[in-house]
Protein backbone atom coordinates (compact mmCIF):
# COMPACT_ATOMS: atom_id res chain seq x y z
CA UNK A 1 16.33 8.36 74.06
CA UNK A 2 19.52 6.32 74.08
CA UNK A 3 19.64 2.56 73.84
CA UNK A 4 22.26 2.01 76.49
CA UNK A 5 21.67 0.30 79.81
CA UNK A 6 20.50 2.35 82.77
CA UNK A 7 23.25 3.40 85.10
CA UNK A 8 24.72 6.69 86.15
CA UNK A 9 22.80 9.47 84.40
CA UNK A 10 19.65 7.38 83.86
CA UNK A 11 17.67 9.41 86.44
CA UNK A 12 18.90 12.65 84.90
CA UNK A 13 17.70 11.50 81.49
CA UNK A 14 14.31 10.68 82.98
CA UNK A 15 14.09 14.16 84.53
CA UNK A 16 14.88 15.75 81.20
CA UNK A 17 12.22 13.68 79.51
CA UNK A 18 9.45 14.67 81.92
CA UNK A 19 10.55 18.34 81.96
CA UNK A 20 9.61 18.71 78.26
CA UNK A 21 6.37 20.74 77.62
CA UNK A 22 3.32 18.47 77.23
CA UNK A 23 2.04 18.40 73.70
CA UNK A 24 -1.40 19.91 72.91
CA UNK A 25 -3.42 16.76 72.10
CA UNK A 26 -5.94 18.51 69.80
CA UNK A 27 -3.96 21.53 68.58
CA UNK A 28 -6.27 24.24 70.05
CA UNK A 29 -3.66 26.08 71.99
CA UNK A 30 -4.28 27.67 75.42
CA UNK A 31 -7.80 28.72 76.37
CA UNK A 32 -8.47 32.48 75.83
CA UNK A 33 -8.81 34.69 78.93
CA UNK A 34 -12.30 35.87 79.91
CA UNK A 35 -12.99 39.65 79.92
CA UNK A 36 -13.54 41.33 83.26
CA UNK A 37 -17.08 40.78 84.51
CA UNK A 38 -17.98 38.20 81.90
CA UNK A 39 -19.84 35.16 83.16
CA UNK A 40 -17.90 32.00 83.51
CA UNK A 41 -19.57 29.51 81.14
CA UNK A 42 -16.90 26.92 81.52
CA UNK A 43 -18.33 23.62 82.75
CA UNK A 44 -17.63 22.83 86.36
CA UNK A 45 -14.10 21.58 86.71
CA UNK A 46 -13.04 22.50 83.17
CA UNK A 47 -11.34 25.70 84.31
CA UNK A 48 -9.48 23.83 86.94
CA UNK A 49 -8.41 21.32 84.33
CA UNK A 50 -7.36 24.11 81.98
CA UNK A 51 -5.29 25.72 84.72
CA UNK A 52 -3.77 22.36 85.51
CA UNK A 53 -2.91 21.92 81.87
CA UNK A 54 -1.26 25.33 81.72
CA UNK A 55 0.58 24.68 84.94
CA UNK A 56 1.76 21.32 83.69
CA UNK A 57 3.45 22.86 80.71
CA UNK A 58 0.88 23.85 78.11
CA UNK A 59 2.49 25.93 75.31
CA UNK A 60 2.85 29.59 76.17
CA UNK A 61 4.58 31.43 73.36
CA UNK A 62 5.08 34.63 75.32
CA UNK A 63 6.50 33.10 78.44
CA UNK A 64 8.43 30.19 76.96
CA UNK A 65 9.74 31.84 73.89
CA UNK A 66 7.98 29.44 71.56
CA UNK A 67 8.15 30.38 67.87
CA UNK A 68 5.42 32.67 66.53
CA UNK A 69 4.99 30.76 63.30
CA UNK A 70 5.61 27.30 61.82
CA UNK A 71 8.31 28.77 59.58
CA UNK A 72 10.47 29.46 62.66
CA UNK A 73 10.22 25.89 63.89
CA UNK A 74 13.52 23.90 63.59
CA UNK A 75 13.19 20.79 61.39
CA UNK A 76 12.96 17.55 63.24
CA UNK A 77 16.20 15.59 63.40
CA UNK A 78 16.10 12.31 61.45
CA UNK A 79 15.83 9.18 63.59
CA UNK A 80 19.22 7.43 63.73
CA UNK A 81 17.57 4.06 63.26
CA UNK A 82 18.22 0.86 65.15
CA UNK A 83 21.78 0.00 66.21
CA UNK A 84 23.79 -2.05 63.74
CA UNK A 85 24.08 -5.77 64.47
CA UNK A 86 27.87 -6.02 64.22
CA UNK A 87 30.22 -8.14 66.32
CA UNK A 88 31.83 -5.05 67.84
CA UNK A 89 28.41 -3.65 68.87
CA UNK A 90 26.68 -6.82 70.02
CA UNK A 91 29.25 -9.35 71.23
CA UNK A 92 31.02 -8.94 74.52
CA UNK A 93 34.82 -9.07 74.13
CA UNK A 94 36.29 -12.45 74.90
CA UNK A 95 38.54 -12.32 77.91
CA UNK A 96 42.05 -13.73 77.72
CA UNK A 97 42.22 -16.91 79.75
CA UNK A 98 45.33 -18.68 81.04
CA UNK A 99 45.74 -22.27 79.94
CA UNK A 100 48.68 -23.81 81.80
CA UNK A 101 50.70 -23.32 84.93
CA UNK A 102 49.46 -21.93 88.22
CA UNK A 103 47.39 -19.27 86.45
CA UNK A 104 45.47 -21.90 84.50
CA UNK A 105 44.96 -24.01 87.62
CA UNK A 106 43.57 -21.06 89.56
CA UNK A 107 41.25 -20.18 86.71
CA UNK A 108 39.86 -23.71 86.54
CA UNK A 109 39.42 -24.38 90.25
CA UNK A 110 37.69 -21.03 90.80
CA UNK A 111 35.41 -21.43 87.81
CA UNK A 112 36.92 -18.37 86.19
CA UNK A 113 36.48 -16.11 89.20
CA UNK A 114 40.26 -15.71 89.50
CA UNK A 115 41.69 -14.75 86.11
CA UNK A 116 45.29 -13.55 86.17
CA UNK A 117 45.46 -13.63 82.39
CA UNK A 118 47.88 -15.58 80.22
CA UNK A 119 51.48 -15.82 81.39
CA UNK A 120 54.31 -14.31 79.35
CA UNK A 121 55.15 -17.67 77.85
CA UNK A 122 51.51 -18.18 76.79
CA UNK A 123 51.42 -14.71 75.29
CA UNK A 124 54.62 -15.48 73.37
CA UNK A 125 53.11 -18.75 72.13
CA UNK A 126 49.96 -16.96 70.99
CA UNK A 127 52.07 -14.41 69.13
CA UNK A 128 53.90 -17.20 67.28
CA UNK A 129 50.61 -18.83 66.34
CA UNK A 130 49.32 -15.52 65.06
CA UNK A 131 52.48 -15.07 63.00
CA UNK A 132 52.00 -18.54 61.47
CA UNK A 133 48.53 -17.50 60.34
CA UNK A 134 49.71 -14.67 58.05
CA UNK A 135 47.60 -14.93 54.89
CA UNK A 136 49.15 -15.77 51.53
CA UNK A 137 46.34 -15.25 49.03
CA UNK A 138 48.66 -15.82 46.05
CA UNK A 139 50.00 -19.09 47.45
CA UNK A 140 53.51 -19.90 48.59
CA UNK A 141 55.91 -22.66 47.64
CA UNK A 142 58.71 -23.75 49.96
CA UNK A 143 61.45 -26.29 49.18
CA UNK A 144 63.16 -28.16 52.02
CA UNK A 145 66.70 -29.03 50.93
CA UNK A 146 69.91 -30.68 52.16
CA UNK A 147 72.94 -32.29 50.48
CA UNK A 148 73.43 -34.71 53.35
CA UNK A 149 71.15 -37.56 54.27
CA UNK A 150 70.25 -38.36 57.87
CA UNK A 151 69.92 -34.76 59.01
CA UNK A 152 66.14 -34.76 59.33
CA UNK A 153 65.14 -33.15 56.00
CA UNK A 154 61.97 -35.19 55.61
CA UNK A 155 61.19 -34.74 59.29
CA UNK A 156 61.57 -31.00 58.84
CA UNK A 157 59.14 -31.01 55.92
CA UNK A 158 56.70 -33.06 57.98
CA UNK A 159 56.88 -30.99 61.17
CA UNK A 160 56.67 -27.63 59.39
CA UNK A 161 53.64 -29.02 57.58
CA UNK A 162 52.02 -30.33 60.77
CA UNK A 163 52.58 -27.03 62.56
CA UNK A 164 51.24 -24.80 59.79
CA UNK A 165 48.27 -27.02 59.00
CA UNK A 166 47.27 -27.16 62.66
CA UNK A 167 47.05 -23.40 63.12
CA UNK A 168 46.36 -21.93 59.69
CA UNK A 169 42.80 -21.73 58.34
CA UNK A 170 43.84 -22.52 54.76
CA UNK A 171 45.17 -25.70 53.13
CA UNK A 172 48.74 -26.98 53.49
CA UNK A 173 50.19 -29.69 51.26
CA UNK A 174 53.55 -31.45 51.56
CA UNK A 175 54.82 -33.00 48.32
CA UNK A 176 57.47 -35.68 48.26
CA UNK A 177 59.81 -34.39 45.57
CA UNK A 178 62.61 -36.85 46.37
CA UNK A 179 63.19 -38.99 43.25
CA UNK A 180 65.27 -41.45 45.25
CA UNK A 181 62.42 -43.42 46.90
CA UNK A 182 61.23 -40.63 49.18
CA UNK A 183 59.63 -41.65 52.46
CA UNK A 184 57.46 -38.64 53.27
CA UNK A 185 54.32 -40.57 52.35
CA UNK A 186 55.07 -43.13 55.09
CA UNK A 187 55.13 -40.49 57.84
CA UNK A 188 51.33 -40.15 57.82
CA UNK A 189 48.66 -42.83 57.73
CA UNK A 190 48.16 -43.68 54.06
CA UNK A 191 44.65 -43.10 52.75
CA UNK A 192 45.41 -43.59 49.06
CA UNK A 193 47.90 -45.27 46.78
CA UNK A 194 48.06 -42.20 44.54
CA UNK A 195 51.48 -40.59 44.08
CA UNK A 196 53.15 -37.70 42.29
CA UNK A 197 52.88 -39.69 39.07
CA UNK A 198 49.08 -39.80 39.37
CA UNK A 199 49.03 -36.06 40.07
CA UNK A 200 51.17 -35.50 36.98
CA UNK A 201 48.73 -37.51 34.86
CA UNK A 202 45.83 -35.41 36.19
CA UNK A 203 47.45 -32.02 35.49
CA UNK A 204 44.91 -29.81 33.74
CA UNK A 205 41.98 -32.08 34.49
CA UNK A 206 41.49 -31.59 38.24
CA UNK A 207 38.19 -29.74 38.54
CA UNK A 208 38.34 -28.76 42.19
CA UNK A 209 39.66 -29.48 45.65
CA UNK A 210 37.66 -32.70 46.19
CA UNK A 211 39.41 -34.24 43.21
CA UNK A 212 42.79 -33.01 44.41
CA UNK A 213 42.07 -34.41 47.87
CA UNK A 214 41.69 -37.86 46.33
CA UNK A 215 45.42 -37.81 45.55
CA UNK A 216 46.56 -37.12 49.12
CA UNK A 217 46.60 -38.57 52.62
CA UNK A 218 45.59 -36.30 55.48
CA UNK A 219 46.97 -36.32 59.02
CA UNK A 220 44.94 -35.32 62.11
CA UNK A 221 46.76 -31.98 62.00
CA UNK A 222 45.03 -31.35 58.62
CA UNK A 223 48.36 -31.63 56.79
CA UNK A 224 47.97 -33.39 53.46
CA UNK A 225 50.79 -35.37 51.84
CA UNK A 226 51.29 -36.25 48.20
CA UNK A 227 53.57 -39.28 48.23
CA UNK A 228 56.43 -40.25 45.97
CA UNK A 229 56.19 -43.50 44.00
CA UNK A 230 57.83 -46.43 45.81
CA UNK A 231 59.26 -47.81 42.59
CA UNK A 232 62.66 -46.05 42.25
CA UNK A 233 62.60 -46.49 38.46
CA UNK A 234 59.30 -44.62 38.27
CA UNK A 235 60.46 -41.79 40.51
CA UNK A 236 63.80 -41.43 38.75
CA UNK A 237 61.94 -40.96 35.49
CA UNK A 238 60.39 -37.73 36.84
CA UNK A 239 62.17 -34.60 35.66
CA UNK A 240 62.20 -31.03 36.87
CA UNK A 241 59.51 -29.93 34.48
CA UNK A 242 57.26 -32.69 35.80
CA UNK A 243 57.55 -31.46 39.38
CA UNK A 244 56.98 -27.90 38.16
CA UNK A 245 53.72 -28.99 36.49
CA UNK A 246 52.58 -30.77 39.65
CA UNK A 247 53.42 -27.75 41.83
CA UNK A 248 51.52 -25.42 39.51
CA UNK A 249 48.48 -27.71 39.44
CA UNK A 250 48.34 -28.30 43.22
CA UNK A 251 48.79 -24.60 43.95
CA UNK A 252 45.34 -24.09 42.43
CA UNK A 253 43.89 -26.03 45.36
CA UNK A 254 46.33 -25.39 48.26
CA UNK A 255 47.70 -22.16 49.73
CA UNK A 256 50.96 -23.45 51.14
CA UNK A 257 53.08 -26.07 49.36
CA UNK A 258 56.08 -27.69 51.08
CA UNK A 259 58.29 -29.76 48.85
CA UNK A 260 60.68 -32.36 50.24
CA UNK A 261 63.67 -32.84 47.90
CA UNK A 262 66.48 -35.29 47.25
CA UNK A 263 70.09 -34.83 48.27
CA UNK A 264 71.42 -34.34 44.74
CA UNK A 265 71.35 -30.58 44.50
CA UNK A 266 72.32 -30.61 40.81
CA UNK A 267 69.83 -33.33 39.78
CA UNK A 268 67.37 -32.22 37.12
CA UNK A 269 64.45 -32.83 39.47
CA UNK A 270 65.92 -30.68 42.23
CA UNK A 271 66.87 -27.89 39.84
CA UNK A 272 63.34 -27.83 38.50
CA UNK A 273 61.93 -27.61 42.00
CA UNK A 274 64.35 -24.84 43.04
CA UNK A 275 63.32 -22.76 40.04
CA UNK A 276 59.61 -23.22 40.87
CA UNK A 277 59.60 -22.24 44.58
CA UNK A 278 59.52 -18.91 46.41
CA UNK A 279 61.86 -19.74 49.30
CA UNK A 280 63.87 -22.58 50.84
CA UNK A 281 64.47 -24.21 54.21
CA UNK A 282 68.02 -25.54 54.48
CA UNK A 283 68.45 -28.44 56.92
CA UNK A 284 71.68 -29.39 58.65
CA UNK A 285 72.67 -31.57 61.56
CA UNK A 286 74.88 -30.48 64.43
CA UNK A 287 77.95 -32.37 63.15
CA UNK A 288 80.79 -30.50 61.46
CA UNK A 289 80.46 -32.47 58.22
CA UNK A 290 76.75 -31.74 57.85
CA UNK A 291 77.28 -28.06 58.63
CA UNK A 292 80.03 -27.86 56.01
CA UNK A 293 77.77 -29.54 53.43
CA UNK A 294 74.97 -27.09 54.20
CA UNK A 295 77.34 -24.13 53.87
CA UNK A 296 78.57 -25.44 50.51
CA UNK A 297 74.95 -25.72 49.39
CA UNK A 298 74.57 -22.00 50.04
CA UNK A 299 77.79 -21.39 48.10
CA UNK A 300 76.48 -23.32 45.13
CA UNK A 301 73.14 -21.54 45.13
CA UNK A 302 74.86 -18.18 45.39
CA UNK A 303 77.19 -18.86 42.47
CA UNK A 304 74.47 -20.35 40.25
CA UNK A 305 72.01 -17.49 40.05
CA UNK A 306 69.93 -18.36 43.07
CA UNK A 307 71.27 -15.89 45.59
CA UNK A 308 67.73 -14.72 46.38
CA UNK A 309 67.00 -18.12 47.87
CA UNK A 310 70.06 -17.81 50.11
CA UNK A 311 69.15 -14.36 51.44
CA UNK A 312 65.63 -15.40 52.38
CA UNK A 313 66.50 -18.91 53.57
CA UNK A 314 65.52 -20.36 56.95
CA UNK A 315 68.09 -22.80 58.36
CA UNK A 316 67.02 -25.63 60.64
CA UNK A 317 69.74 -27.17 62.85
CA UNK A 318 68.51 -30.59 63.91
CA UNK A 319 70.05 -32.19 67.00
CA UNK A 320 70.19 -35.72 65.59
CA UNK A 321 73.43 -36.79 67.30
CA UNK A 322 75.65 -36.18 70.31
CA UNK A 323 76.81 -32.56 70.33
CA UNK A 324 79.27 -32.60 73.21
CA UNK A 325 82.27 -31.98 70.95
CA UNK A 326 80.58 -29.43 68.70
CA UNK A 327 80.11 -25.75 69.44
CA UNK A 328 76.58 -25.55 68.04
CA UNK A 329 76.39 -21.86 68.84
CA UNK A 330 79.25 -21.27 66.41
CA UNK A 331 77.33 -23.22 63.71
CA UNK A 332 74.27 -21.11 64.38
CA UNK A 333 76.25 -17.87 64.10
CA UNK A 334 77.77 -18.99 60.80
CA UNK A 335 74.39 -19.48 59.16
CA UNK A 336 72.84 -16.46 60.86
CA UNK A 337 75.38 -14.28 58.98
CA UNK A 338 74.36 -15.80 55.65
CA UNK A 339 70.61 -16.36 55.83
CA UNK A 340 67.45 -14.74 57.18
CA UNK A 341 66.83 -16.98 60.20
CA UNK A 342 68.33 -19.99 62.03
CA UNK A 343 66.49 -22.34 64.39
CA UNK A 344 67.80 -25.11 66.62
CA UNK A 345 65.55 -28.13 67.07
CA UNK A 346 66.23 -30.26 70.16
CA UNK A 347 66.49 -34.01 69.95
CA UNK A 348 63.17 -35.77 70.46
CA UNK A 349 62.86 -39.56 70.70
CA UNK A 350 59.43 -39.51 69.10
CA UNK A 351 60.93 -38.27 65.85
CA UNK A 352 63.88 -40.65 65.62
CA UNK A 353 61.68 -43.67 64.82
CA UNK A 354 61.02 -42.39 61.31
CA UNK A 355 57.43 -43.65 61.42
CA UNK A 356 54.01 -42.03 61.48
CA UNK A 357 54.41 -38.93 63.64
CA UNK A 358 51.90 -37.62 66.18
CA UNK A 359 52.91 -34.02 66.87
CA UNK A 360 51.01 -34.08 70.17
CA UNK A 361 53.53 -36.56 71.55
CA UNK A 362 56.49 -34.23 71.13
CA UNK A 363 58.12 -32.62 74.14
CA UNK A 364 56.92 -29.04 74.79
CA UNK A 365 60.38 -27.66 73.98
CA UNK A 366 60.31 -29.47 70.62
CA UNK A 367 56.85 -28.18 69.83
CA UNK A 368 57.89 -24.64 70.59
CA UNK A 369 61.04 -24.97 68.46
CA UNK A 370 59.02 -26.11 65.45
CA UNK A 371 56.48 -23.35 66.01
CA UNK A 372 59.25 -20.75 65.96
CA UNK A 373 60.73 -22.26 62.80
CA UNK A 374 57.33 -22.29 61.15
CA UNK A 375 56.70 -18.67 62.09
CA UNK A 376 60.05 -17.76 60.51
CA UNK A 377 59.07 -19.53 57.30
CA UNK A 378 55.72 -17.70 57.16
CA UNK A 379 57.50 -14.40 57.79
CA UNK A 380 59.01 -14.89 54.34
CA UNK A 381 55.57 -15.03 52.71
CA UNK A 382 55.54 -11.27 52.54
CA UNK A 383 58.89 -11.04 50.80
CA UNK A 384 59.17 -10.74 47.01
CA UNK A 385 59.73 -13.91 45.05
CA UNK A 386 61.99 -14.34 42.05
CA UNK A 387 59.94 -17.29 40.82
CA UNK A 388 58.98 -16.97 37.17
CA UNK A 389 55.49 -15.61 36.70
CA UNK A 390 55.32 -13.93 40.13
């Protein structure tokens, strides 16, 4: 018998079951026929019961074609056993539910009775979230760079980190690699005074994630930040090999590392970081001078043995100023011809304060723009890396 619910065909299955010959309970077979004229010694009613048994399906080898011997009997089929307790077999599939708009309103007010499914925009959003969740079991290091200040480089590091940490199941860490008094650590609520210098001192001695967590501050998005020392003399003393050691140590405990950098592209610290990452995010503003500086950064990387970082780069164009006189589309096309992906980020007043950032307070268009940029960064996780040791 099957284990499915009764529905169409259930009655047919029942008919087949009861149509099977009744088993002989004691194994005696049918009663032998009496010879003509012999007295009937069967107890009263027994003959009738015997006839009833035969009529109800007692074995009759001649009429039913039953096998003449046990050797001709087909072997019994093994019992398939109980159904497996897997999610596919036991759990009902979860229906897609609309969240916003008229579809979401109808779903809520009808208690789910009217479900038109997610809208196209919601489906596109879900696809971006899924793209951001691409696994990177070997870890991935991303440097966020710019040769011009004031274009939103630290904000880009922060928002990419918030976005990825909020949707990915693994750990995301943003490291302030700016030796010139970096401010990334001030963009989340500080939970510790530890800095990159403390992480450098602990290299090789961190026993597990709980100890690494003691060096960082965590935002509600789950993004963790390793701050730069506030003393500029201390931070300027850090060299490229120091940042490389910190990156290698923290990668043992975090899957995705984002590293904010300084503006001096040829500084020893920046060179060390560039040689220790898998890919870069290049940040520019919408002004002509910032776009030129970003383009020259690509030129320098290309001519100094780091062309692989250029080919796989993601460019973020931050709207940090009035763009009425600038053809931003032309800026986007320029970088699209040179890099893997370009993303425009609209101006958002919540980001211009330069303080602790709550990603939930961003305008929907800004949130979507950062989600698209983050998905483009994660798309590069599957590309080969020229980093030493990979």
